[in-house]
Amino acid sequence: MSVNRCMYLFSRLHRHISPRTRITAAAGSCHVPSSGSGLFHKETGSVVRSRNVSSNSSSSKPVDTSLFVPVSLKTDTSADGCVGAELTQPLDKNELLKVMNRFYKKKEMQKLAAEHGLDARLFHQAFISFRKYVLEVTSLPADVHIIFSDISFGAGHVDDIYPYFMRHARQIFPMLDCMDDLRKISDLRVPANWYPEARAIQRKVVFHAGPTNSGKTYHAIQRYLAAKSGVYCGPLKLLAHEIFEKSNKAGVPCDLVTGEERTFMDEEGRPAGHVACTIEMCSVTTPYEVAVIDEIQMIRDLSRGWAWTRALLGLCAEEIHVCGEPAAIDFIRELMYTTGEEVEVHTYKRLTPFSILDRAVESLDNLSQGDCIVCFSKNDIYSISRQIEARGLECAVIYGSLPPGTKLSQAKKFNDPDDPCKILVATDAIGMGLNLSIKRIIFNSLIKPNINEKGEKQMETISTSQALQISGRAGRFSSKFSEGQVTTMHRDDLPVLKDILSHSVEPIETAGLHPTAEQIEMFAYHLPDATLSNLVDIFVSLSQVEGMYFVCNIDDFKFLADMIQHIPLNLRSRYVFCTAPINKKQPFVCTSFLKFARQFSRDEPLTFDWVCRHVSWPLAAPKNIKDLVHLEAVHDVLDLYLWLSYRFMDMFPDTAYVREIQRDLDDIIQQGVRNITRLIKATDPAITDPLQTQSARRGKTAANSGAAGSNYVTGGKSQMDISLASRLVRDGLLTPDLLRQLQREWSKDQKQDFTNQSALDTDHQNNNKGKRKKKKK
């Protein structure tokens, strides 16, 4: 080796001659560098200047380090070549292992690392990575090689490893070097400051408070129609459509904006002064004279609450008219204190009374005109609608996954006095957005599947707010019923319902927030190797919110982010895809979402022909419930296409054609729902017909379970049916109430059940024959 080469190497290694005296300095480098220092950019080799952002660490919550995913480092190359070995001598791997294990066991090193961001979990992960790196790399950097050589020959101390260990730790956990920046970005304590345009004007806030059917929204809409410009923000597409139509019929030009639809009244596409939109789609930069925010109590919704918070704090309107439950008044007042705006409250009473009956219905034979049976599962809807039509009565069916057109069609059928359909079977989807002529609400069950704060599904008794929202649909003002009635299907549920309705609605105490695309992009700048799901996790973990706010559930967002993580997309496009409103329980919808993202990543437009091939268009009318469910999923896929088309117009170009076939599909689904009883009969009864399952009555004690068990298996039913019933109840597909009712029906008329079962088998066989013929074709 030449003298000049040796001098160059020694000049580079000068800073490592006495490393032990620099332990503290090296450890202290885990804070954000000042303006005079920088971060080394690993790709260009240049120094990137970093802001010096301070944060009040005393108010910061502890970091969830389980979210820190180590970055993989290359171990096959070294910038220094074999300089370390040339200056000293090759290292013994066994001796290296002993030295590193001594370092790992030293409590002082663990304590020092903890003071600079490495808790026990991260220290262990960093050490495993560091040990693997040292043992497997082809040639160590010269400074590391020399340190290990000195320690091996007694010229150094094991503590001297610490600066190099921390350097490696910061490489695999880059967030350690920018924690203050990350905390600053995720500081959500003053969301009112996110909307400077709204803060620049002094807004008048009017709260229209009252129960369902009190006219509160009506009064807000009257002010909206009288204004020169206005925006209506509703929770559902149906509500936005209703205001859109009402406004235009009143001679006030109004546009419609939802996630999947843009309708402009002006032929040249110029925006009208008024717009009706779903709340997620409202603009917080467009000035209006009047804004109406409907169902404000949903500001506490665990998934969508952020949209109401954004609208309330951010809308640029001279007057903000808020409609909702009285339970939200105090909270909205407190929230408006942060913006310096006072709240004017108008209270309303229900226009038509409703009463709780003293008797349960107990049997479908006791149904009458104007009854609405409310269920909380589609299986219950299928079963009850079938039993109703078996009694010679017609019924309409409404549940959440039906297309809006089908819901409106079923509502019109039920409301039509000349239509023989006088019974409605529905989920709590009727709670908002539909005008229905209901005389009596009948709760088939009071148990509803909910998603808790941890994102877990659980069965819970409905809340007072939910019970009032649904009960309030009975005896609606302007309907033919001047008074509403509420009861239950089962006698045991009636006192529970009375107790629920006797309580006042719990006051709202918090409002939802959600990380924006800009905030996530800033996180990604500091953590370029993190996945989107991991970025959001770390953001929520570090986020600081005041007691008035909470961060909304992000499980659906993460679900989609993980699904398309392997697809090459830029961060903004990936974020937009992950905010798409899809039903993750539908496999076909999830598969379509994945294919859309993959096609998009290839920069290949998703044409009408491509969509038709994917959904196998044209589609036939459903022959059974499974077909109907698939058609609903296809409708959701077309909705997803339309939703994405307004965000990536060049990549989803055939909006008009897709909307046309979606209307045709809606007609096909309506036809299927009108014949839903026939579809149920044609479906495999072991899957969708709960009449084959039995269950002991809910609430029986262990002492009574034996007696109930004697009737549990009837008509030669096998133990397999019992386990099926248990699984259906456990998964929330059936309720104990329904099983108990079915048990009574089996005991009452077993012979008739066997006759019905024979008919089911015949229909099923005919259906299978039809399928086989179709396949042969």
Foldseek 3Di string as FASTA:
>chain_A
DDPVVVVVVCVVCVVLPPLVVCLVVLLVQLEADDQVAFDQDPPPRDGHGDHRFADDVVQFDDFPCVLQFFDDDDQADDPQHAVQCVVPHDDDLVLVVVLLVVLLPDPVLQVSNVVQPQHPVLSVVLSVNVNCSVNPHPHDYNSQSNQSRCVSVVNHDSCSCNSVSVVSSCNGRVCSNYVSVLLVLQAPAQVLVVAVLQLVDAAAEEEEAEFFQFCSVVVQLVVCLPFQAEEEEAQDLLVLVVSCVVSVVVVQFEWEDELQDTGHPDPVPDHGRYYYYHLQPDDLNDEHAEYEYEALVCLPPQAPVASSVCCLSRHRYNYYYYYHHPLAVVLSQVVCVSSVHGYHYDYTYRPFAEEEDPDAQQDLVSDDFQEEEADAFVLVLLQVQLVNVVVVAHEAEEEDLADPVLNQVSQCLCQDPPHRHRYYYYYLPVLDNGQHAHAEYAYADQWHWDQDNVRDTDIDGDALSSLSSSQSSHCRPPGPRRYHYYAYNDGVCGVVSVVRPVDDHNRQQAGEHEDDLVSLVSLCVSVVPDFSLSSRVSSQSRRDYDRRYHYHDCVQLSVQSVLQRVQDDDSVVSNLLSVQDADPVDPLLSVLSNVLSNCVSVVAACEPVNLCVSLVPPDAADQAVVSLVSLSSNLRNLSSLSSVCVVVVVRSPPNVVSVVVSVVSSVSSSVCSSVHSSRHLQDDCLPSPCLLAADFAPPDDPVCVVVSVVLRDPPPDDVVRHVSVVVCCVVVNDPSSVRHSSSVVCVVCVPVVVVSVVSSVVSNVVSVVVVVVVVVD
